[in-house]
Amino acid sequence: MTPALELRSLTKTYATPTGERVTAVDGVDLTVRQGEVVAFLGPNGAGKSTTIDMILGLITPDAGTATHTGTVAAVQQSGGLLPALTVQDTVDLIASLHPGSDPDAAIARAGLDDLRRRTVGKCSGGQQQALRFALALLAEPDLLVLDEPTAGMDVDARRRFWAAVRADAGRGTTVLFATHYLEEADQFADRVVMIAGGRIVADGATADVRAAATGRRVSAVLGPDGAAALVAAVPGLRVAEVRGERTVFAVDGDPRASDDALRFLLTRTDARDVETLTHGLEEAFLQLTEEKA
């Protein structure tokens, strides 16, 4: 099957005011299959937005290629709206560029039925994002690229937005989205791609990306003497965080150290409320991106 999106050795550098060259995207390779929903994650300055801009043809790569099949539409964080127009007029205007499109259906799918007569300038930031989504839907895109699409939306609006995206994905639309809401990636993505320092540092199903981050965490309510005794007794264990009475221990290296830590806590200390946790997506994100930045 022809990929919906393929990046090969994609590279972009910029000149600083002093004339130094800084590499924003460094030889990125990525293949997205048709119908996938892919979360594209990374800290600020990692190269996410630059990569997306090259995919959309807004900037030209210094080297490499970004190719895609079919129609592409995008929802970006800002711009592209006229504040004096109503929601309905805005959608009708853009629909005139897409013969055969259904503006009323796009408004409904974006959850804007009750805002048709409101001017864009009086819409909240989240409502304007929903409007950009409606405009993107007019093209019935094969590939939908979303850059922080739910910024400014409340919880209910975010839920409606993702229900609409999943419905489109169910009809075969390929979705690539960048977000700072890691729970959105966890809930809605088939696959997670993490970028740091301009390079991809993790790529796979959410559970696989979590597993790529080494270590487990053990926590318990206990005093400083008990915490010190535990760290001294179990190699590879360290105090990661103290939250009031609760101490969180990170297990680096051999994961069996967490079993030794639990055994020590339960038999050699007066610890209570003992818990053990594997990495969530947020912890994996922090570890993988910090290591490679």
C-alpha atoms as a PDB file:
ATOM      1  CA  MET A   1       0.000   0.000   0.000  1.00  0.00           C
ATOM      2  CA  THR A   2       1.296   3.478  -0.884  1.00  0.00           C
ATOM      3  CA  PRO A   3       2.099   5.417   2.316  1.00  0.00           C
ATOM      4  CA  ALA A   4      -0.118   8.374   3.118  1.00  0.00           C
ATOM      5  CA  LEU A   5       2.972  10.345   4.185  1.00  0.00           C
ATOM      6  CA  GLU A   6       6.658   9.648   3.734  1.00  0.00           C
ATOM      7  CA  LEU A   7       9.585  11.732   5.007  1.00  0.00           C
ATOM      8  CA  ARG A   8      13.076  10.850   3.842  1.00  0.00           C
ATOM      9  CA  SER A   9      16.211  12.464   5.315  1.00  0.00           C
ATOM     10  CA  LEU A  10      14.220  15.645   5.923  1.00  0.00           C
ATOM     11  CA  THR A  11      16.570  18.424   7.055  1.00  0.00           C
ATOM     12  CA  LYS A  12      16.215  22.126   7.820  1.00  0.00           C
ATOM     13  CA  THR A  13      18.765  24.567   9.223  1.00  0.00           C
ATOM     14  CA  TYR A  14      18.490  28.238  10.161  1.00  0.00           C
ATOM     15  CA  ALA A  15      21.037  31.000  10.589  1.00  0.00           C
ATOM     16  CA  THR A  16      21.234  32.744  13.954  1.00  0.00           C
ATOM     17  CA  PRO A  17      21.757  36.539  14.152  1.00  0.00           C
ATOM     18  CA  THR A  18      25.482  35.807  14.613  1.00  0.00           C
ATOM     19  CA  GLY A  19      25.574  33.746  11.411  1.00  0.00           C
ATOM     20  CA  GLU A  20      25.808  30.352  13.116  1.00  0.00           C
ATOM     21  CA  ARG A  21      23.799  27.528  11.505  1.00  0.00           C
ATOM     22  CA  VAL A  22      21.332  25.732  13.786  1.00  0.00           C
ATOM     23  CA  THR A  23      19.781  22.447  12.697  1.00  0.00           C
ATOM     24  CA  ALA A  24      16.053  22.422  13.494  1.00  0.00           C
ATOM     25  CA  VAL A  25      15.258  19.126  11.748  1.00  0.00           C
ATOM     26  CA  ASP A  26      18.085  16.639  11.312  1.00  0.00           C
ATOM     27  CA  GLY A  27      17.572  13.885   8.726  1.00  0.00           C
ATOM     28  CA  VAL A  28      14.075  12.776   9.785  1.00  0.00           C
ATOM     29  CA  ASP A  29      12.710   9.554   8.273  1.00  0.00           C
ATOM     30  CA  LEU A  30       9.036   8.746   8.841  1.00  0.00           C
ATOM     31  CA  THR A  31       6.417   6.654   7.069  1.00  0.00           C
ATOM     32  CA  VAL A  32       2.720   6.986   7.964  1.00  0.00           C
ATOM     33  CA  ARG A  33       0.323   4.364   6.647  1.00  0.00           C
ATOM     34  CA  GLN A  34      -3.087   5.197   5.263  1.00  0.00           C
ATOM     35  CA  GLY A  35      -5.738   5.444   7.975  1.00  0.00           C
ATOM     36  CA  GLU A  36      -3.281   5.782  10.881  1.00  0.00           C
ATOM     37  CA  VAL A  37      -3.739   8.328  13.668  1.00  0.00           C
ATOM     38  CA  VAL A  38      -0.239   9.406  14.680  1.00  0.00           C
ATOM     39  CA  ALA A  39       0.684  11.685  17.591  1.00  0.00           C
ATOM     40  CA  PHE A  40       3.802  13.771  16.891  1.00  0.00           C
ATOM     41  CA  LEU A  41       5.307  14.793  20.229  1.00  0.00           C
ATOM     42  CA  GLY A  42       8.310  16.768  21.382  1.00  0.00           C
ATOM     43  CA  PRO A  43       9.346  19.624  23.688  1.00  0.00           C
ATOM     44  CA  ASN A  44       9.436  23.235  22.513  1.00  0.00           C
ATOM     45  CA  GLY A  45      12.200  23.693  19.967  1.00  0.00           C
ATOM     46  CA  ALA A  46      12.370  19.979  19.152  1.00  0.00           C
ATOM     47  CA  GLY A  47      11.518  20.470  15.471  1.00  0.00           C
ATOM     48  CA  LYS A  48       7.817  19.559  15.443  1.00  0.00           C
ATOM     49  CA  SER A  49       6.432  22.717  13.895  1.00  0.00           C
ATOM     50  CA  THR A  50       9.289  22.988  11.402  1.00  0.00           C
ATOM     51  CA  THR A  51       8.634  19.417  10.275  1.00  0.00           C
ATOM     52  CA  ILE A  52       4.909  20.115   9.925  1.00  0.00           C
ATOM     53  CA  ASP A  53       5.603  23.286   7.935  1.00  0.00           C
ATOM     54  CA  MET A  54       7.759  21.285   5.522  1.00  0.00           C
ATOM     55  CA  ILE A  55       5.066  18.615   5.176  1.00  0.00           C
ATOM     56  CA  LEU A  56       2.576  21.354   4.269  1.00  0.00           C
ATOM     57  CA  GLY A  57       4.984  23.045   1.853  1.00  0.00           C
ATOM     58  CA  LEU A  58       5.099  26.254   3.890  1.00  0.00           C
ATOM     59  CA  ILE A  59       8.887  26.110   4.064  1.00  0.00           C
ATOM     60  CA  THR A  60      11.391  24.336   1.832  1.00  0.00           C
ATOM     61  CA  PRO A  61      13.715  21.689   3.277  1.00  0.00           C
ATOM     62  CA  ASP A  62      17.458  22.089   2.858  1.00  0.00           C
ATOM     63  CA  ALA A  63      17.682  18.381   2.084  1.00  0.00           C
ATOM     64  CA  GLY A  64      15.409  15.367   1.900  1.00  0.00           C
ATOM     65  CA  THR A  65      11.794  15.011   0.812  1.00  0.00           C
ATOM     66  CA  ALA A  66       8.270  15.082   2.223  1.00  0.00           C
ATOM     67  CA  THR A  67       5.743  13.299  -0.015  1.00  0.00           C
ATOM     68  CA  HIS A  68       2.092  12.469   0.480  1.00  0.00           C
ATOM     69  CA  THR A  69      -0.813  11.108  -1.503  1.00  0.00           C
ATOM     70  CA  GLY A  70      -4.273  12.558  -1.987  1.00  0.00           C
ATOM     71  CA  THR A  71      -5.705  15.745  -0.553  1.00  0.00           C
ATOM     72  CA  VAL A  72      -4.068  17.394   2.469  1.00  0.00           C
ATOM     73  CA  ALA A  73      -5.725  19.775   4.936  1.00  0.00           C
ATOM     74  CA  ALA A  74      -4.350  21.333   8.095  1.00  0.00           C
ATOM     75  CA  VAL A  75      -5.486  22.895  11.354  1.00  0.00           C
ATOM     76  CA  GLN A  76      -2.826  25.241  12.724  1.00  0.00           C
ATOM     77  CA  GLN A  77      -2.629  27.225  15.909  1.00  0.00           C
ATOM     78  CA  SER A  78      -3.388  30.708  14.601  1.00  0.00           C
ATOM     79  CA  GLY A  79      -4.174  32.869  11.593  1.00  0.00           C
ATOM     80  CA  GLY A  80      -6.373  32.336   8.582  1.00  0.00           C
ATOM     81  CA  LEU A  81      -9.621  33.812   9.958  1.00  0.00           C
ATOM     82  CA  LEU A  82     -11.372  37.138   9.326  1.00  0.00           C
ATOM     83  CA  PRO A  83     -12.821  38.486  12.605  1.00  0.00           C
ATOM     84  CA  ALA A  84     -15.676  40.447  10.979  1.00  0.00           C
ATOM     85  CA  LEU A  85     -17.231  37.406   9.264  1.00  0.00           C
ATOM     86  CA  THR A  86     -19.653  35.037  10.950  1.00  0.00           C
ATOM     87  CA  VAL A  87     -18.846  31.368  11.388  1.00  0.00           C
ATOM     88  CA  GLN A  88     -21.356  30.484   8.653  1.00  0.00           C
ATOM     89  CA  ASP A  89     -20.000  33.097   6.238  1.00  0.00           C
ATOM     90  CA  THR A  90     -16.442  31.931   6.840  1.00  0.00           C
ATOM     91  CA  VAL A  91     -17.270  28.325   6.078  1.00  0.00           C
ATOM     92  CA  ASP A  92     -19.375  29.286   3.045  1.00  0.00           C
ATOM     93  CA  LEU A  93     -16.520  31.402   1.686  1.00  0.00           C
ATOM     94  CA  ILE A  94     -13.982  28.588   1.877  1.00  0.00           C
ATOM     95  CA  ALA A  95     -16.552  26.057   0.658  1.00  0.00           C
ATOM     96  CA  SER A  96     -16.820  28.062  -2.575  1.00  0.00           C
ATOM     97  CA  LEU A  97     -13.228  26.982  -3.286  1.00  0.00           C
ATOM     98  CA  HIS A  98     -14.181  23.312  -2.943  1.00  0.00           C
ATOM     99  CA  PRO A  99     -16.980  22.500  -5.415  1.00  0.00           C
ATOM    100  CA  GLY A 100     -19.279  19.829  -4.051  1.00  0.00           C
ATOM    101  CA  SER A 101     -18.320  20.397  -0.428  1.00  0.00           C
ATOM    102  CA  ASP A 102     -21.001  20.536   2.269  1.00  0.00           C
ATOM    103  CA  PRO A 103     -20.519  23.577   4.555  1.00  0.00           C
ATOM    104  CA  ASP A 104     -23.442  22.692   6.830  1.00  0.00           C
ATOM    105  CA  ALA A 105     -22.083  19.200   7.405  1.00  0.00           C
ATOM    106  CA  ALA A 106     -18.605  20.591   8.161  1.00  0.00           C
ATOM    107  CA  ILE A 107     -20.051  22.997  10.734  1.00  0.00           C
ATOM    108  CA  ALA A 108     -22.000  20.190  12.375  1.00  0.00           C
ATOM    109  CA  ARG A 109     -19.002  17.827  12.441  1.00  0.00           C
ATOM    110  CA  ALA A 110     -16.914  20.546  14.095  1.00  0.00           C
ATOM    111  CA  GLY A 111     -19.560  21.105  16.795  1.00  0.00           C
ATOM    112  CA  LEU A 112     -20.379  24.672  15.729  1.00  0.00           C
ATOM    113  CA  ASP A 113     -24.113  24.417  15.033  1.00  0.00           C
ATOM    114  CA  ASP A 114     -25.001  26.867  17.785  1.00  0.00           C
ATOM    115  CA  LEU A 115     -22.402  29.425  16.659  1.00  0.00           C
ATOM    116  CA  ARG A 116     -23.280  29.835  12.997  1.00  0.00           C
ATOM    117  CA  ARG A 117     -24.285  33.515  13.357  1.00  0.00           C
ATOM    118  CA  ARG A 118     -21.524  34.512  15.758  1.00  0.00           C
ATOM    119  CA  THR A 119     -18.734  36.650  14.316  1.00  0.00           C
ATOM    120  CA  VAL A 120     -15.295  35.104  14.397  1.00  0.00           C
ATOM    121  CA  GLY A 121     -13.935  37.961  16.493  1.00  0.00           C
ATOM    122  CA  LYS A 122     -16.391  37.081  19.274  1.00  0.00           C
ATOM    123  CA  CYS A 123     -15.468  33.399  19.271  1.00  0.00           C
ATOM    124  CA  SER A 124     -13.151  32.057  21.957  1.00  0.00           C
ATOM    125  CA  GLY A 125      -9.752  30.655  21.044  1.00  0.00           C
ATOM    126  CA  GLY A 126     -11.098  27.117  21.287  1.00  0.00           C
ATOM    127  CA  GLN A 127     -14.119  27.978  19.111  1.00  0.00           C
ATOM    128  CA  GLN A 128     -11.799  29.464  16.502  1.00  0.00           C
ATOM    129  CA  GLN A 129      -9.809  26.225  16.514  1.00  0.00           C
ATOM    130  CA  ALA A 130     -13.034  24.316  15.936  1.00  0.00           C
ATOM    131  CA  LEU A 131     -13.783  26.659  13.027  1.00  0.00           C
ATOM    132  CA  ARG A 132     -10.364  25.935  11.499  1.00  0.00           C
ATOM    133  CA  PHE A 133     -11.219  22.253  11.814  1.00  0.00           C
ATOM    134  CA  ALA A 134     -14.507  22.819   9.960  1.00  0.00           C
ATOM    135  CA  LEU A 135     -12.603  24.576   7.163  1.00  0.00           C
ATOM    136  CA  ALA A 136     -10.175  21.678   6.916  1.00  0.00           C
ATOM    137  CA  LEU A 137     -13.050  19.204   6.626  1.00  0.00           C
ATOM    138  CA  LEU A 138     -14.428  20.965   3.540  1.00  0.00           C
ATOM    139  CA  ALA A 139     -11.715  19.402   1.403  1.00  0.00           C
ATOM    140  CA  GLU A 140     -12.601  15.868   2.641  1.00  0.00           C
ATOM    141  CA  PRO A 141      -8.851  15.362   3.111  1.00  0.00           C
ATOM    142  CA  ASP A 142      -7.015  12.080   2.747  1.00  0.00           C
ATOM    143  CA  LEU A 143      -4.360  13.425   5.147  1.00  0.00           C
ATOM    144  CA  LEU A 144      -5.285  15.730   8.022  1.00  0.00           C
ATOM    145  CA  VAL A 145      -2.396  17.531   9.756  1.00  0.00           C
ATOM    146  CA  LEU A 146      -3.211  19.083  13.134  1.00  0.00           C
ATOM    147  CA  ASP A 147      -0.815  21.410  15.000  1.00  0.00           C
ATOM    148  CA  GLU A 148      -1.984  21.829  18.611  1.00  0.00           C
ATOM    149  CA  PRO A 149      -5.589  21.480  17.416  1.00  0.00           C
ATOM    150  CA  THR A 150      -7.322  21.636  20.815  1.00  0.00           C
ATOM    151  CA  ALA A 151      -5.412  24.625  22.217  1.00  0.00           C
ATOM    152  CA  GLY A 152      -7.927  26.812  24.042  1.00  0.00           C
ATOM    153  CA  MET A 153     -10.748  24.247  23.994  1.00  0.00           C
ATOM    154  CA  ASP A 154     -12.537  23.246  27.171  1.00  0.00           C
ATOM    155  CA  VAL A 155     -12.875  19.582  28.157  1.00  0.00           C
ATOM    156  CA  ASP A 156     -16.236  19.056  26.421  1.00  0.00           C
ATOM    157  CA  ALA A 157     -15.045  20.720  23.218  1.00  0.00           C
ATOM    158  CA  ARG A 158     -11.906  18.594  23.195  1.00  0.00           C
ATOM    159  CA  ARG A 159     -13.989  15.465  23.624  1.00  0.00           C
ATOM    160  CA  ARG A 160     -16.270  16.418  20.723  1.00  0.00           C
ATOM    161  CA  PHE A 161     -13.290  17.338  18.571  1.00  0.00           C
ATOM    162  CA  TRP A 162     -11.596  13.971  19.051  1.00  0.00           C
ATOM    163  CA  ALA A 163     -14.825  12.092  18.473  1.00  0.00           C
ATOM    164  CA  ALA A 164     -15.069  13.841  15.089  1.00  0.00           C
ATOM    165  CA  VAL A 165     -11.421  13.087  14.275  1.00  0.00           C
ATOM    166  CA  ARG A 166     -11.838   9.411  15.162  1.00  0.00           C
ATOM    167  CA  ALA A 167     -14.961   9.262  13.009  1.00  0.00           C
ATOM    168  CA  ASP A 168     -12.983  10.646  10.066  1.00  0.00           C
ATOM    169  CA  ALA A 169     -10.164   8.194  10.742  1.00  0.00           C
ATOM    170  CA  GLY A 170     -12.747   5.433  10.718  1.00  0.00           C
ATOM    171  CA  ARG A 171     -13.646   6.508   7.187  1.00  0.00           C
ATOM    172  CA  GLY A 172     -10.000   6.174   6.135  1.00  0.00           C
ATOM    173  CA  THR A 173      -8.553   9.647   6.766  1.00  0.00           C
ATOM    174  CA  THR A 174      -4.918   9.631   7.888  1.00  0.00           C
ATOM    175  CA  VAL A 175      -4.250  11.951  10.845  1.00  0.00           C
ATOM    176  CA  LEU A 176      -0.948  13.392  12.055  1.00  0.00           C
ATOM    177  CA  PHE A 177      -1.290  15.623  15.115  1.00  0.00           C
ATOM    178  CA  ALA A 178       1.102  17.548  17.345  1.00  0.00           C
ATOM    179  CA  THR A 179      -0.060  18.228  20.884  1.00  0.00           C
ATOM    180  CA  HIS A 180       1.174  19.183  24.331  1.00  0.00           C
ATOM    181  CA  TYR A 181      -1.715  17.237  25.896  1.00  0.00           C
ATOM    182  CA  LEU A 182      -0.067  13.847  26.360  1.00  0.00           C
ATOM    183  CA  GLU A 183      -3.317  12.286  27.512  1.00  0.00           C
ATOM    184  CA  GLU A 184      -4.717  13.025  24.037  1.00  0.00           C
ATOM    185  CA  ALA A 185      -1.873  11.084  22.463  1.00  0.00           C
ATOM    186  CA  ASP A 186      -2.438   8.256  24.936  1.00  0.00           C
ATOM    187  CA  GLN A 187      -6.179   8.102  24.259  1.00  0.00           C
ATOM    188  CA  PHE A 188      -6.533   8.821  20.574  1.00  0.00           C
ATOM    189  CA  ALA A 189      -3.342   7.893  18.729  1.00  0.00           C
ATOM    190  CA  ASP A 190      -2.682   4.518  17.141  1.00  0.00           C
ATOM    191  CA  ARG A 191       1.001   5.388  17.202  1.00  0.00           C
ATOM    192  CA  VAL A 192       3.318   7.855  18.949  1.00  0.00           C
ATOM    193  CA  VAL A 193       6.344   9.500  17.327  1.00  0.00           C
ATOM    194  CA  MET A 194       8.624  11.560  19.595  1.00  0.00           C
ATOM    195  CA  ILE A 195      11.151  14.089  18.314  1.00  0.00           C
ATOM    196  CA  ALA A 196      13.940  15.823  20.240  1.00  0.00           C
ATOM    197  CA  GLY A 197      16.866  17.837  18.972  1.00  0.00           C
ATOM    198  CA  GLY A 198      15.517  17.553  15.440  1.00  0.00           C
ATOM    199  CA  ARG A 199      15.648  13.735  15.447  1.00  0.00           C
ATOM    200  CA  ILE A 200      13.069  11.022  16.069  1.00  0.00           C
ATOM    201  CA  VAL A 201      13.826   9.359  19.409  1.00  0.00           C
ATOM    202  CA  ALA A 202      10.844   7.004  19.708  1.00  0.00           C
ATOM    203  CA  ASP A 203       8.289   5.576  17.287  1.00  0.00           C
ATOM    204  CA  GLY A 204       5.677   2.948  18.026  1.00  0.00           C
ATOM    205  CA  ALA A 205       2.434   2.055  19.745  1.00  0.00           C
ATOM    206  CA  THR A 206       1.876   3.926  23.006  1.00  0.00           C
ATOM    207  CA  ALA A 207       2.619   0.844  25.121  1.00  0.00           C
ATOM    208  CA  ASP A 208       5.850   0.230  23.199  1.00  0.00           C
ATOM    209  CA  VAL A 209       6.981   3.834  23.685  1.00  0.00           C
ATOM    210  CA  ARG A 210       6.307   3.561  27.402  1.00  0.00           C
ATOM    211  CA  ALA A 211       8.395   0.386  27.486  1.00  0.00           C
ATOM    212  CA  ALA A 212      11.274   2.147  25.727  1.00  0.00           C
ATOM    213  CA  ALA A 213      11.796   4.281  28.834  1.00  0.00           C
ATOM    214  CA  THR A 214      13.786   2.256  31.319  1.00  0.00           C
ATOM    215  CA  GLY A 215      13.015   1.970  34.997  1.00  0.00           C
ATOM    216  CA  ARG A 216      10.058   1.703  37.336  1.00  0.00           C
ATOM    217  CA  ARG A 217       8.962   3.750  40.311  1.00  0.00           C
ATOM    218  CA  VAL A 218       8.174   2.676  43.846  1.00  0.00           C
ATOM    219  CA  SER A 219       6.584   5.002  46.361  1.00  0.00           C
ATOM    220  CA  ALA A 220       5.606   4.783  49.999  1.00  0.00           C
ATOM    221  CA  VAL A 221       4.756   6.874  53.014  1.00  0.00           C
ATOM    222  CA  LEU A 222       7.774   6.574  55.308  1.00  0.00           C
ATOM    223  CA  GLY A 223      10.262   8.722  57.166  1.00  0.00           C
ATOM    224  CA  PRO A 224      13.672   9.926  55.980  1.00  0.00           C
ATOM    225  CA  ASP A 225      15.515   7.244  57.981  1.00  0.00           C
ATOM    226  CA  GLY A 226      13.551   4.493  56.267  1.00  0.00           C
ATOM    227  CA  ALA A 227      14.141   6.068  52.866  1.00  0.00           C
ATOM    228  CA  ALA A 228      17.890   6.285  53.498  1.00  0.00           C
ATOM    229  CA  ALA A 229      18.001   2.652  54.669  1.00  0.00           C
ATOM    230  CA  LEU A 230      16.168   1.509  51.534  1.00  0.00           C
ATOM    231  CA  VAL A 231      18.512   3.359  49.148  1.00  0.00           C
ATOM    232  CA  ALA A 232      21.529   1.915  50.986  1.00  0.00           C
ATOM    233  CA  ALA A 233      20.140  -1.611  50.836  1.00  0.00           C
ATOM    234  CA  VAL A 234      19.010  -1.759  47.183  1.00  0.00           C
ATOM    235  CA  PRO A 235      21.568  -1.041  44.413  1.00  0.00           C
ATOM    236  CA  GLY A 236      20.167   1.004  41.516  1.00  0.00           C
ATOM    237  CA  LEU A 237      17.536   2.730  43.643  1.00  0.00           C
ATOM    238  CA  ARG A 238      17.440   6.490  44.229  1.00  0.00           C
ATOM    239  CA  VAL A 239      15.044   9.052  45.692  1.00  0.00           C
ATOM    240  CA  ALA A 240      13.312  10.748  42.751  1.00  0.00           C
ATOM    241  CA  GLU A 241      10.848  12.973  44.569  1.00  0.00           C
ATOM    242  CA  VAL A 242       9.414  13.728  48.002  1.00  0.00           C
ATOM    243  CA  ARG A 243       5.714  14.662  48.082  1.00  0.00           C
ATOM    244  CA  GLY A 244       4.869  15.556  51.648  1.00  0.00           C
ATOM    245  CA  GLU A 245       5.029  12.278  53.614  1.00  0.00           C
ATOM    246  CA  ARG A 246       5.346  10.177  50.432  1.00  0.00           C
ATOM    247  CA  THR A 247       8.759   9.385  48.945  1.00  0.00           C
ATOM    248  CA  VAL A 248       9.045   8.280  45.323  1.00  0.00           C
ATOM    249  CA  PHE A 249      11.996   6.054  44.392  1.00  0.00           C
ATOM    250  CA  ALA A 250      13.243   5.610  40.836  1.00  0.00           C
ATOM    251  CA  VAL A 251      14.614   2.242  39.785  1.00  0.00           C
ATOM    252  CA  ASP A 252      17.447   2.609  37.268  1.00  0.00           C
ATOM    253  CA  GLY A 253      18.981  -0.354  35.498  1.00  0.00           C
ATOM    254  CA  ASP A 254      17.840  -3.847  36.525  1.00  0.00           C
ATOM    255  CA  PRO A 255      14.022  -3.748  36.939  1.00  0.00           C
ATOM    256  CA  ARG A 256      14.277  -6.533  39.530  1.00  0.00           C
ATOM    257  CA  ALA A 257      15.506  -3.848  41.927  1.00  0.00           C
ATOM    258  CA  SER A 258      11.887  -2.751  42.319  1.00  0.00           C
ATOM    259  CA  ASP A 259      10.998  -6.201  43.713  1.00  0.00           C
ATOM    260  CA  ASP A 260      13.898  -5.955  46.179  1.00  0.00           C
ATOM    261  CA  ALA A 261      12.705  -2.471  47.154  1.00  0.00           C
ATOM    262  CA  LEU A 262       9.163  -3.663  47.776  1.00  0.00           C
ATOM    263  CA  ARG A 263      10.381  -6.610  49.848  1.00  0.00           C
ATOM    264  CA  PHE A 264      12.571  -4.329  51.974  1.00  0.00           C
ATOM    265  CA  LEU A 265       9.805  -1.758  52.469  1.00  0.00           C
ATOM    266  CA  LEU A 266       7.287  -4.379  53.588  1.00  0.00           C
ATOM    267  CA  THR A 267       9.588  -6.374  55.892  1.00  0.00           C
ATOM    268  CA  ARG A 268      12.250  -3.982  57.177  1.00  0.00           C
ATOM    269  CA  THR A 269      10.517  -0.603  57.541  1.00  0.00           C
ATOM    270  CA  ASP A 270       7.264   0.835  58.875  1.00  0.00           C
ATOM    271  CA  ALA A 271       6.284   2.051  55.375  1.00  0.00           C
ATOM    272  CA  ARG A 272       2.598   2.284  54.483  1.00  0.00           C
ATOM    273  CA  ASP A 273       0.583   2.900  51.293  1.00  0.00           C
ATOM    274  CA  VAL A 274       3.284   1.239  49.210  1.00  0.00           C
ATOM    275  CA  GLU A 275       2.846   1.515  45.422  1.00  0.00           C
ATOM    276  CA  THR A 276       4.782   0.469  42.342  1.00  0.00           C
ATOM    277  CA  LEU A 277       4.294   2.080  38.935  1.00  0.00           C
ATOM    278  CA  THR A 278       5.603   1.545  35.448  1.00  0.00           C
ATOM    279  CA  HIS A 279       6.257   4.595  33.292  1.00  0.00           C
ATOM    280  CA  GLY A 280       3.269   6.453  31.909  1.00  0.00           C
ATOM    281  CA  LEU A 281       3.502   8.249  28.582  1.00  0.00           C
ATOM    282  CA  GLU A 282       4.411  11.507  30.336  1.00  0.00           C
ATOM    283  CA  GLU A 283       7.382   9.946  32.149  1.00  0.00           C
ATOM    284  CA  ALA A 284       8.506   8.218  28.944  1.00  0.00           C
ATOM    285  CA  PHE A 285       8.223  11.512  27.066  1.00  0.00           C
ATOM    286  CA  LEU A 286      10.331  13.355  29.631  1.00  0.00           C
ATOM    287  CA  GLN A 287      13.004  10.698  29.787  1.00  0.00           C
ATOM    288  CA  LEU A 288      13.319  10.052  26.066  1.00  0.00           C
ATOM    289  CA  THR A 289      13.289  13.689  25.012  1.00  0.00           C
ATOM    290  CA  GLU A 290      15.655  14.857  27.762  1.00  0.00           C
ATOM    291  CA  GLU A 291      18.158  12.127  26.913  1.00  0.00           C
ATOM    292  CA  LYS A 292      18.258  13.002  23.202  1.00  0.00           C
ATOM    293  CA  ALA A 293      17.857  16.790  23.293  1.00  0.00           C
END
